[in-house]
Amino acid sequence: MPRFLVPKRSTPHRVAAIALYKALLSSCSSVAIPDEDRSSLRNAIQNKYRQNRKLQSSYQLGLAFRAGYETLDHLDASAAGNTASTSLLTSLVSTLPRGITRAPPAGRPPSRPPHPSRKLFACLPPEKAVLNVRPYQKVSGPRHVPILCSANGIPFLRLKKPQPESLGRIIRQKSKARIMRFDSRIVLGNYWLPIAEQEDQWDAMMNELGIKSEEGRWVDAVLEADRENMWAYERSLAADRVLARKMQAIVDKETALALQEGEVVIRGRKGRPIRRYTKRK
């Protein structure tokens, strides 16, 4: 196994460890020892595997596998009627610490499904959208001025924490679309364009032989696809710029209203503010 590969990520290591684990548990159920000792031995096997699942030392792994195979031999011998192996297993269970013979902790309980009325990813209706209702002219308590933020160039208003799931979904969708456009441009330029150039060279050779093609050049189709991809990217950037201006206008109006109401607006951290706005006297 290569040194740079973690054992638990190695397929041969995982196959050998899982096969030994299943063989130990299977043989443990048929060993000729009392039920209480059999249950303790089964718990010890499960807990020991849980403890050793992150081992990376080849020396420690060798000791663990050797102990596992020796235990498996004694289990098989005890199931076949060997009294020496049975007495050895019984004495082994009696010497095991109590912590390792306890039942392993159960897995995490399945999470409750969300209530049907709670739509985590549902967007607000247009009449309640932030860009349509802000700024609030009157508020019942202290006014919380939104903060204009950017997620990899995607503008959004931070109103409160934690961030709403619907906002996170929109940011992920926009970011995924932007990454797909970038990947498409790379594929068009580095993969399809060289192929198109070779196809055009082949068509030119066929034309010299008298076999003419009525279709246009392959390169033109690839370049047209690249231009459409760039236009879509520029349109998304223009839409983000317009959206950012609207959001900045909302922040400015909310800040002016907060200052009129006697609030102090802080930008940055409270301990080390970047800028502090107060009402002029």
C-alpha atoms as a PDB file:
ATOM      1  CA  MET A   1       0.000   0.000   0.000  1.00  0.00           C
ATOM      2  CA  PRO A   2       1.465   3.422  -0.916  1.00  0.00           C
ATOM      3  CA  ARG A   3       2.590   5.530   2.030  1.00  0.00           C
ATOM      4  CA  PHE A   4       0.625   8.556   0.920  1.00  0.00           C
ATOM      5  CA  LEU A   5      -2.639   6.553   0.947  1.00  0.00           C
ATOM      6  CA  VAL A   6      -4.524   6.392   4.241  1.00  0.00           C
ATOM      7  CA  PRO A   7      -5.318   2.726   5.065  1.00  0.00           C
ATOM      8  CA  LYS A   8      -9.030   3.356   5.490  1.00  0.00           C
ATOM      9  CA  ARG A   9      -9.077   4.813   1.952  1.00  0.00           C
ATOM     10  CA  SER A  10      -7.337   1.760   0.466  1.00  0.00           C
ATOM     11  CA  THR A  11      -9.684  -0.738  -1.186  1.00  0.00           C
ATOM     12  CA  PRO A  12      -7.601  -3.886  -0.427  1.00  0.00           C
ATOM     13  CA  HIS A  13      -7.259  -2.865   3.208  1.00  0.00           C
ATOM     14  CA  ARG A  14     -10.988  -2.165   3.537  1.00  0.00           C
ATOM     15  CA  VAL A  15     -11.919  -5.487   1.915  1.00  0.00           C
ATOM     16  CA  ALA A  16      -9.611  -7.451   4.237  1.00  0.00           C
ATOM     17  CA  ALA A  17     -10.759  -5.593   7.373  1.00  0.00           C
ATOM     18  CA  ILE A  18     -14.465  -5.926   6.602  1.00  0.00           C
ATOM     19  CA  ALA A  19     -14.106  -9.605   5.689  1.00  0.00           C
ATOM     20  CA  LEU A  20     -12.318 -10.318   8.981  1.00  0.00           C
ATOM     21  CA  TYR A  21     -14.936  -8.332  10.901  1.00  0.00           C
ATOM     22  CA  LYS A  22     -17.827 -10.262   9.359  1.00  0.00           C
ATOM     23  CA  ALA A  23     -16.061 -13.595   9.923  1.00  0.00           C
ATOM     24  CA  LEU A  24     -15.470 -12.783  13.610  1.00  0.00           C
ATOM     25  CA  LEU A  25     -19.092 -11.805  14.213  1.00  0.00           C
ATOM     26  CA  SER A  26     -20.376 -14.835  12.311  1.00  0.00           C
ATOM     27  CA  SER A  27     -18.152 -17.270  14.227  1.00  0.00           C
ATOM     28  CA  CYS A  28     -18.939 -15.575  17.533  1.00  0.00           C
ATOM     29  CA  SER A  29     -22.614 -16.539  17.228  1.00  0.00           C
ATOM     30  CA  SER A  30     -21.801 -20.268  17.049  1.00  0.00           C
ATOM     31  CA  VAL A  31     -19.047 -20.528  19.684  1.00  0.00           C
ATOM     32  CA  ALA A  32     -19.669 -22.974  22.572  1.00  0.00           C
ATOM     33  CA  ILE A  33     -19.596 -20.500  25.503  1.00  0.00           C
ATOM     34  CA  PRO A  34     -22.349 -19.093  27.744  1.00  0.00           C
ATOM     35  CA  ASP A  35     -24.692 -16.543  26.237  1.00  0.00           C
ATOM     36  CA  GLU A  36     -23.445 -13.755  28.510  1.00  0.00           C
ATOM     37  CA  ASP A  37     -19.817 -14.388  27.518  1.00  0.00           C
ATOM     38  CA  ARG A  38     -20.832 -14.638  23.860  1.00  0.00           C
ATOM     39  CA  SER A  39     -22.550 -11.254  24.048  1.00  0.00           C
ATOM     40  CA  SER A  40     -19.543  -9.698  25.801  1.00  0.00           C
ATOM     41  CA  LEU A  41     -17.164 -11.130  23.195  1.00  0.00           C
ATOM     42  CA  ARG A  42     -19.330  -9.793  20.372  1.00  0.00           C
ATOM     43  CA  ASN A  43     -19.382  -6.325  21.975  1.00  0.00           C
ATOM     44  CA  ALA A  44     -15.619  -6.454  22.438  1.00  0.00           C
ATOM     45  CA  ILE A  45     -15.096  -7.219  18.745  1.00  0.00           C
ATOM     46  CA  GLN A  46     -17.334  -4.335  17.673  1.00  0.00           C
ATOM     47  CA  ASN A  47     -15.760  -1.855  20.109  1.00  0.00           C
ATOM     48  CA  LYS A  48     -12.211  -2.890  19.180  1.00  0.00           C
ATOM     49  CA  TYR A  49     -12.965  -2.373  15.505  1.00  0.00           C
ATOM     50  CA  ARG A  50     -14.433   1.016  16.312  1.00  0.00           C
ATOM     51  CA  GLN A  51     -11.259   1.993  18.196  1.00  0.00           C
ATOM     52  CA  ASN A  52      -8.885   0.774  15.477  1.00  0.00           C
ATOM     53  CA  ARG A  53     -10.707   2.170  12.441  1.00  0.00           C
ATOM     54  CA  LYS A  54      -8.349   5.188  12.240  1.00  0.00           C
ATOM     55  CA  LEU A  55      -5.053   3.336  12.689  1.00  0.00           C
ATOM     56  CA  GLN A  56      -2.388   4.334  10.150  1.00  0.00           C
ATOM     57  CA  SER A  57       0.729   2.598  11.500  1.00  0.00           C
ATOM     58  CA  SER A  58       1.546  -0.536   9.536  1.00  0.00           C
ATOM     59  CA  TYR A  59       3.016  -2.106  12.691  1.00  0.00           C
ATOM     60  CA  GLN A  60      -0.146  -1.499  14.733  1.00  0.00           C
ATOM     61  CA  LEU A  61      -2.334  -2.673  11.860  1.00  0.00           C
ATOM     62  CA  GLY A  62      -0.281  -5.865  11.633  1.00  0.00           C
ATOM     63  CA  LEU A  63      -0.784  -6.549  15.348  1.00  0.00           C
ATOM     64  CA  ALA A  64      -4.526  -5.889  15.057  1.00  0.00           C
ATOM     65  CA  PHE A  65      -4.928  -8.221  12.077  1.00  0.00           C
ATOM     66  CA  ARG A  66      -2.820 -10.916  13.777  1.00  0.00           C
ATOM     67  CA  ALA A  67      -4.959 -10.751  16.924  1.00  0.00           C
ATOM     68  CA  GLY A  68      -8.108 -10.885  14.814  1.00  0.00           C
ATOM     69  CA  TYR A  69      -7.019 -13.961  12.851  1.00  0.00           C
ATOM     70  CA  GLU A  70      -5.863 -15.772  16.010  1.00  0.00           C
ATOM     71  CA  THR A  71      -9.228 -15.059  17.647  1.00  0.00           C
ATOM     72  CA  LEU A  72     -10.993 -16.318  14.531  1.00  0.00           C
ATOM     73  CA  ASP A  73      -9.004 -19.584  14.662  1.00  0.00           C
ATOM     74  CA  HIS A  74     -10.000 -20.134  18.303  1.00  0.00           C
ATOM     75  CA  LEU A  75     -13.645 -19.342  17.516  1.00  0.00           C
ATOM     76  CA  ASP A  76     -13.721 -21.874  14.689  1.00  0.00           C
ATOM     77  CA  ALA A  77     -11.978 -24.460  16.852  1.00  0.00           C
ATOM     78  CA  SER A  78     -14.407 -23.913  19.713  1.00  0.00           C
ATOM     79  CA  ALA A  79     -17.358 -24.286  17.357  1.00  0.00           C
ATOM     80  CA  ALA A  80     -15.831 -27.587  16.173  1.00  0.00           C
ATOM     81  CA  GLY A  81     -15.665 -28.892  19.781  1.00  0.00           C
ATOM     82  CA  ASN A  82     -12.129 -28.004  20.849  1.00  0.00           C
ATOM     83  CA  THR A  83     -12.302 -27.638  24.644  1.00  0.00           C
ATOM     84  CA  ALA A  84      -8.919 -25.889  24.871  1.00  0.00           C
ATOM     85  CA  SER A  85     -10.086 -23.062  22.598  1.00  0.00           C
ATOM     86  CA  THR A  86     -13.390 -22.826  24.480  1.00  0.00           C
ATOM     87  CA  SER A  87     -11.647 -22.469  27.862  1.00  0.00           C
ATOM     88  CA  LEU A  88      -9.237 -19.950  26.355  1.00  0.00           C
ATOM     89  CA  LEU A  89     -12.086 -17.803  25.069  1.00  0.00           C
ATOM     90  CA  THR A  90     -13.905 -18.012  28.392  1.00  0.00           C
ATOM     91  CA  SER A  91     -10.838 -16.893  30.305  1.00  0.00           C
ATOM     92  CA  LEU A  92     -10.216 -14.166  27.725  1.00  0.00           C
ATOM     93  CA  VAL A  93     -13.708 -12.719  28.169  1.00  0.00           C
ATOM     94  CA  SER A  94     -13.298 -12.674  31.943  1.00  0.00           C
ATOM     95  CA  THR A  95     -10.092 -10.614  31.682  1.00  0.00           C
ATOM     96  CA  LEU A  96     -11.473  -8.018  29.262  1.00  0.00           C
ATOM     97  CA  PRO A  97     -12.096  -4.557  30.730  1.00  0.00           C
ATOM     98  CA  ARG A  98     -15.705  -3.688  31.389  1.00  0.00           C
ATOM     99  CA  GLY A  99     -15.659  -0.711  29.052  1.00  0.00           C
ATOM    100  CA  ILE A 100     -14.870  -2.828  25.985  1.00  0.00           C
ATOM    101  CA  THR A 101     -17.525  -5.470  26.723  1.00  0.00           C
ATOM    102  CA  ARG A 102     -20.350  -2.954  26.854  1.00  0.00           C
ATOM    103  CA  ALA A 103     -22.746  -2.670  23.963  1.00  0.00           C
ATOM    104  CA  PRO A 104     -21.440  -0.200  21.339  1.00  0.00           C
ATOM    105  CA  PRO A 105     -23.242   3.113  21.163  1.00  0.00           C
ATOM    106  CA  ALA A 106     -26.203   3.155  18.848  1.00  0.00           C
ATOM    107  CA  GLY A 107     -26.093   5.266  15.722  1.00  0.00           C
ATOM    108  CA  ARG A 108     -27.680   8.645  15.464  1.00  0.00           C
ATOM    109  CA  PRO A 109     -31.464   8.507  15.427  1.00  0.00           C
ATOM    110  CA  PRO A 110     -33.002   9.444  12.096  1.00  0.00           C
ATOM    111  CA  SER A 111     -33.881  13.094  11.882  1.00  0.00           C
ATOM    112  CA  ARG A 112     -37.527  13.992  11.923  1.00  0.00           C
ATOM    113  CA  PRO A 113     -38.941  14.948   8.545  1.00  0.00           C
ATOM    114  CA  PRO A 114     -39.869  18.627   8.328  1.00  0.00           C
ATOM    115  CA  HIS A 115     -43.467  19.552   8.829  1.00  0.00           C
ATOM    116  CA  PRO A 116     -45.365  19.831   5.518  1.00  0.00           C
ATOM    117  CA  SER A 117     -46.383  23.379   6.359  1.00  0.00           C
ATOM    118  CA  ARG A 118     -42.748  24.414   6.827  1.00  0.00           C
ATOM    119  CA  LYS A 119     -41.284  25.015   3.400  1.00  0.00           C
ATOM    120  CA  LEU A 120     -37.616  25.655   4.048  1.00  0.00           C
ATOM    121  CA  PHE A 121     -36.747  26.472   0.457  1.00  0.00           C
ATOM    122  CA  ALA A 122     -39.882  28.439  -0.414  1.00  0.00           C
ATOM    123  CA  CYS A 123     -39.296  32.006  -1.549  1.00  0.00           C
ATOM    124  CA  LEU A 124     -41.316  34.942  -0.329  1.00  0.00           C
ATOM    125  CA  PRO A 125     -44.238  36.088  -2.488  1.00  0.00           C
ATOM    126  CA  PRO A 126     -43.588  39.179  -4.640  1.00  0.00           C
ATOM    127  CA  GLU A 127     -45.589  41.451  -2.316  1.00  0.00           C
ATOM    128  CA  LYS A 128     -43.262  40.450   0.576  1.00  0.00           C
ATOM    129  CA  ALA A 129     -39.958  40.355  -1.326  1.00  0.00           C
ATOM    130  CA  VAL A 130     -37.151  42.321   0.335  1.00  0.00           C
ATOM    131  CA  LEU A 131     -36.501  44.551  -2.674  1.00  0.00           C
ATOM    132  CA  ASN A 132     -40.198  45.462  -2.869  1.00  0.00           C
ATOM    133  CA  VAL A 133     -40.947  46.202   0.810  1.00  0.00           C
ATOM    134  CA  ARG A 134     -37.688  47.786   1.945  1.00  0.00           C
ATOM    135  CA  PRO A 135     -36.973  50.291   3.345  1.00  0.00           C
ATOM    136  CA  TYR A 136     -39.507  50.182   6.159  1.00  0.00           C
ATOM    137  CA  GLN A 137     -40.807  53.646   6.931  1.00  0.00           C
ATOM    138  CA  LYS A 138     -41.812  52.674  10.475  1.00  0.00           C
ATOM    139  CA  VAL A 139     -40.611  49.900  12.751  1.00  0.00           C
ATOM    140  CA  SER A 140     -41.872  48.819  16.147  1.00  0.00           C
ATOM    141  CA  GLY A 141     -38.415  48.380  17.718  1.00  0.00           C
ATOM    142  CA  PRO A 142     -34.809  49.244  16.913  1.00  0.00           C
ATOM    143  CA  ARG A 143     -34.167  49.442  13.189  1.00  0.00           C
ATOM    144  CA  HIS A 144     -31.761  46.820  11.878  1.00  0.00           C
ATOM    145  CA  VAL A 145     -30.021  48.166   8.808  1.00  0.00           C
ATOM    146  CA  PRO A 146     -29.287  45.388   6.281  1.00  0.00           C
ATOM    147  CA  ILE A 147     -25.732  44.773   5.139  1.00  0.00           C
ATOM    148  CA  LEU A 148     -24.793  44.488   1.468  1.00  0.00           C
ATOM    149  CA  CYS A 149     -22.623  41.371   1.031  1.00  0.00           C
ATOM    150  CA  SER A 150     -21.075  39.483  -1.842  1.00  0.00           C
ATOM    151  CA  ALA A 151     -20.705  35.721  -2.266  1.00  0.00           C
ATOM    152  CA  ASN A 152     -18.099  35.268  -5.019  1.00  0.00           C
ATOM    153  CA  GLY A 153     -19.464  38.328  -6.811  1.00  0.00           C
ATOM    154  CA  ILE A 154     -23.144  37.507  -6.177  1.00  0.00           C
ATOM    155  CA  PRO A 155     -24.733  40.401  -4.225  1.00  0.00           C
ATOM    156  CA  PHE A 156     -27.244  39.799  -1.459  1.00  0.00           C
ATOM    157  CA  LEU A 157     -28.601  41.582   1.606  1.00  0.00           C
ATOM    158  CA  ARG A 158     -27.807  40.113   4.986  1.00  0.00           C
ATOM    159  CA  LEU A 159     -30.827  40.799   7.183  1.00  0.00           C
ATOM    160  CA  LYS A 160     -30.308  38.414  10.076  1.00  0.00           C
ATOM    161  CA  LYS A 161     -28.523  35.280  11.188  1.00  0.00           C
ATOM    162  CA  PRO A 162     -28.827  32.404  10.471  1.00  0.00           C
ATOM    163  CA  GLN A 163     -29.115  32.923   6.753  1.00  0.00           C
ATOM    164  CA  PRO A 164     -32.473  31.794   5.316  1.00  0.00           C
ATOM    165  CA  GLU A 165     -32.390  28.533   3.397  1.00  0.00           C
ATOM    166  CA  SER A 166     -34.114  30.131   0.418  1.00  0.00           C
ATOM    167  CA  LEU A 167     -31.338  32.731   0.130  1.00  0.00           C
ATOM    168  CA  GLY A 168     -28.654  30.052   0.350  1.00  0.00           C
ATOM    169  CA  ARG A 169     -30.396  28.078  -2.404  1.00  0.00           C
ATOM    170  CA  ILE A 170     -30.454  31.099  -4.719  1.00  0.00           C
ATOM    171  CA  ILE A 171     -26.761  31.825  -4.080  1.00  0.00           C
ATOM    172  CA  ARG A 172     -25.846  28.200  -4.774  1.00  0.00           C
ATOM    173  CA  GLN A 173     -27.854  28.154  -7.995  1.00  0.00           C
ATOM    174  CA  LYS A 174     -26.236  31.345  -9.285  1.00  0.00           C
ATOM    175  CA  SER A 175     -22.772  30.180  -8.297  1.00  0.00           C
ATOM    176  CA  LYS A 176     -23.338  26.805  -9.974  1.00  0.00           C
ATOM    177  CA  ALA A 177     -24.534  28.491 -13.184  1.00  0.00           C
ATOM    178  CA  ARG A 178     -21.460  30.742 -13.208  1.00  0.00           C
ATOM    179  CA  ILE A 179     -19.122  27.778 -12.712  1.00  0.00           C
ATOM    180  CA  MET A 180     -20.864  25.849 -15.500  1.00  0.00           C
ATOM    181  CA  ARG A 181     -20.376  28.778 -17.906  1.00  0.00           C
ATOM    182  CA  PHE A 182     -16.691  28.945 -17.020  1.00  0.00           C
ATOM    183  CA  ASP A 183     -16.278  25.187 -17.486  1.00  0.00           C
ATOM    184  CA  SER A 184     -18.106  25.363 -20.833  1.00  0.00           C
ATOM    185  CA  ARG A 185     -15.728  28.056 -22.053  1.00  0.00           C
ATOM    186  CA  ILE A 186     -12.701  25.951 -21.073  1.00  0.00           C
ATOM    187  CA  VAL A 187     -14.113  22.851 -22.786  1.00  0.00           C
ATOM    188  CA  LEU A 188     -15.009  24.778 -25.944  1.00  0.00           C
ATOM    189  CA  GLY A 189     -11.573  26.361 -26.229  1.00  0.00           C
ATOM    190  CA  ASN A 190      -9.387  23.419 -25.217  1.00  0.00           C
ATOM    191  CA  TYR A 191     -11.368  20.445 -26.524  1.00  0.00           C
ATOM    192  CA  TRP A 192     -13.925  21.279 -29.191  1.00  0.00           C
ATOM    193  CA  LEU A 193     -11.990  24.027 -30.968  1.00  0.00           C
ATOM    194  CA  PRO A 194      -8.957  21.806 -31.834  1.00  0.00           C
ATOM    195  CA  ILE A 195     -11.329  19.074 -33.025  1.00  0.00           C
ATOM    196  CA  ALA A 196     -13.216  21.582 -35.183  1.00  0.00           C
ATOM    197  CA  GLU A 197      -9.953  22.818 -36.729  1.00  0.00           C
ATOM    198  CA  GLN A 198      -8.993  19.240 -37.617  1.00  0.00           C
ATOM    199  CA  GLU A 199     -12.435  18.654 -39.142  1.00  0.00           C
ATOM    200  CA  ASP A 200     -12.020  21.781 -41.275  1.00  0.00           C
ATOM    201  CA  GLN A 201      -8.622  20.540 -42.436  1.00  0.00           C
ATOM    202  CA  TRP A 202     -10.226  17.233 -43.385  1.00  0.00           C
ATOM    203  CA  ASP A 203     -12.978  19.021 -45.304  1.00  0.00           C
ATOM    204  CA  ALA A 204     -10.344  21.071 -47.136  1.00  0.00           C
ATOM    205  CA  MET A 205      -8.567  17.861 -48.172  1.00  0.00           C
ATOM    206  CA  MET A 206     -11.874  16.394 -49.376  1.00  0.00           C
ATOM    207  CA  ASN A 207     -12.560  19.560 -51.390  1.00  0.00           C
ATOM    208  CA  GLU A 208      -9.236  19.138 -53.141  1.00  0.00           C
ATOM    209  CA  LEU A 209     -10.354  15.638 -54.151  1.00  0.00           C
ATOM    210  CA  GLY A 210     -13.644  16.976 -55.478  1.00  0.00           C
ATOM    211  CA  ILE A 211     -15.831  15.977 -52.542  1.00  0.00           C
ATOM    212  CA  LYS A 212     -17.400  19.230 -51.423  1.00  0.00           C
ATOM    213  CA  SER A 213     -19.387  19.791 -48.244  1.00  0.00           C
ATOM    214  CA  GLU A 214     -22.366  22.145 -48.264  1.00  0.00           C
ATOM    215  CA  GLU A 215     -22.167  22.803 -44.534  1.00  0.00           C
ATOM    216  CA  GLY A 216     -20.200  25.670 -43.015  1.00  0.00           C
ATOM    217  CA  ARG A 217     -16.968  25.498 -41.091  1.00  0.00           C
ATOM    218  CA  TRP A 218     -16.816  23.564 -37.846  1.00  0.00           C
ATOM    219  CA  VAL A 219     -14.784  26.316 -36.195  1.00  0.00           C
ATOM    220  CA  ASP A 220     -17.549  28.847 -36.778  1.00  0.00           C
ATOM    221  CA  ALA A 221     -20.037  26.735 -34.819  1.00  0.00           C
ATOM    222  CA  VAL A 222     -17.653  26.419 -31.876  1.00  0.00           C
ATOM    223  CA  LEU A 223     -16.874  30.144 -31.888  1.00  0.00           C
ATOM    224  CA  GLU A 224     -20.573  30.960 -32.021  1.00  0.00           C
ATOM    225  CA  ALA A 225     -21.200  28.740 -28.996  1.00  0.00           C
ATOM    226  CA  ASP A 226     -18.359  30.487 -27.173  1.00  0.00           C
ATOM    227  CA  ARG A 227     -19.812  33.906 -27.986  1.00  0.00           C
ATOM    228  CA  GLU A 228     -23.251  32.871 -26.729  1.00  0.00           C
ATOM    229  CA  ASN A 229     -21.651  31.607 -23.544  1.00  0.00           C
ATOM    230  CA  MET A 230     -19.858  34.940 -23.060  1.00  0.00           C
ATOM    231  CA  TRP A 231     -23.062  36.892 -23.731  1.00  0.00           C
ATOM    232  CA  ALA A 232     -24.899  34.871 -21.093  1.00  0.00           C
ATOM    233  CA  TYR A 233     -22.068  35.533 -18.638  1.00  0.00           C
ATOM    234  CA  GLU A 234     -22.100  39.279 -19.364  1.00  0.00           C
ATOM    235  CA  ARG A 235     -25.887  39.405 -19.015  1.00  0.00           C
ATOM    236  CA  SER A 236     -25.672  37.770 -15.601  1.00  0.00           C
ATOM    237  CA  LEU A 237     -22.976  40.254 -14.532  1.00  0.00           C
ATOM    238  CA  ALA A 238     -25.109  43.175 -15.729  1.00  0.00           C
ATOM    239  CA  ALA A 239     -28.117  41.826 -13.820  1.00  0.00           C
ATOM    240  CA  ASP A 240     -25.983  41.461 -10.684  1.00  0.00           C
ATOM    241  CA  ARG A 241     -24.760  45.061 -11.038  1.00  0.00           C
ATOM    242  CA  VAL A 242     -28.338  46.344 -11.314  1.00  0.00           C
ATOM    243  CA  LEU A 243     -29.332  44.231  -8.322  1.00  0.00           C
ATOM    244  CA  ALA A 244     -26.378  45.516  -6.303  1.00  0.00           C
ATOM    245  CA  ARG A 245     -27.367  49.140  -7.016  1.00  0.00           C
ATOM    246  CA  LYS A 246     -30.925  48.464  -5.814  1.00  0.00           C
ATOM    247  CA  MET A 247     -29.616  46.824  -2.660  1.00  0.00           C
ATOM    248  CA  GLN A 248     -27.179  49.666  -2.007  1.00  0.00           C
ATOM    249  CA  ALA A 249     -30.025  52.175  -2.363  1.00  0.00           C
ATOM    250  CA  ILE A 250     -32.014  50.214   0.227  1.00  0.00           C
ATOM    251  CA  VAL A 251     -29.042  50.218   2.614  1.00  0.00           C
ATOM    252  CA  ASP A 252     -28.565  53.979   2.179  1.00  0.00           C
ATOM    253  CA  LYS A 253     -32.253  54.720   2.820  1.00  0.00           C
ATOM    254  CA  GLU A 254     -32.364  52.407   5.837  1.00  0.00           C
ATOM    255  CA  THR A 255     -29.230  54.059   7.222  1.00  0.00           C
ATOM    256  CA  ALA A 256     -30.724  57.548   6.805  1.00  0.00           C
ATOM    257  CA  LEU A 257     -33.945  56.475   8.551  1.00  0.00           C
ATOM    258  CA  ALA A 258     -31.983  54.850  11.386  1.00  0.00           C
ATOM    259  CA  LEU A 259     -29.981  58.063  11.932  1.00  0.00           C
ATOM    260  CA  GLN A 260     -33.188  60.094  11.999  1.00  0.00           C
ATOM    261  CA  GLU A 261     -34.528  57.777  14.684  1.00  0.00           C
ATOM    262  CA  GLY A 262     -31.402  58.302  16.801  1.00  0.00           C
ATOM    263  CA  GLU A 263     -29.798  54.936  16.117  1.00  0.00           C
ATOM    264  CA  VAL A 264     -26.062  54.365  15.759  1.00  0.00           C
ATOM    265  CA  VAL A 265     -25.103  52.425  12.635  1.00  0.00           C
ATOM    266  CA  ILE A 266     -21.841  50.475  12.831  1.00  0.00           C
ATOM    267  CA  ARG A 267     -20.097  48.913   9.869  1.00  0.00           C
ATOM    268  CA  GLY A 268     -17.608  46.166  10.622  1.00  0.00           C
ATOM    269  CA  ARG A 269     -17.097  44.504  13.988  1.00  0.00           C
ATOM    270  CA  LYS A 270     -18.441  46.137  17.095  1.00  0.00           C
ATOM    271  CA  GLY A 271     -15.062  45.900  18.830  1.00  0.00           C
ATOM    272  CA  ARG A 272     -13.162  47.248  15.825  1.00  0.00           C
ATOM    273  CA  PRO A 273     -15.680  49.114  13.678  1.00  0.00           C
ATOM    274  CA  ILE A 274     -14.691  50.201  10.189  1.00  0.00           C
ATOM    275  CA  ARG A 275     -17.116  53.109  10.212  1.00  0.00           C
ATOM    276  CA  ARG A 276     -19.620  54.497  12.682  1.00  0.00           C
ATOM    277  CA  TYR A 277     -22.591  56.623  11.649  1.00  0.00           C
ATOM    278  CA  THR A 278     -24.307  58.920  14.128  1.00  0.00           C
ATOM    279  CA  LYS A 279     -26.898  61.661  13.739  1.00  0.00           C
ATOM    280  CA  ARG A 280     -25.434  65.084  13.264  1.00  0.00           C
ATOM    281  CA  LYS A 281     -26.479  67.644  15.848  1.00  0.00           C
END
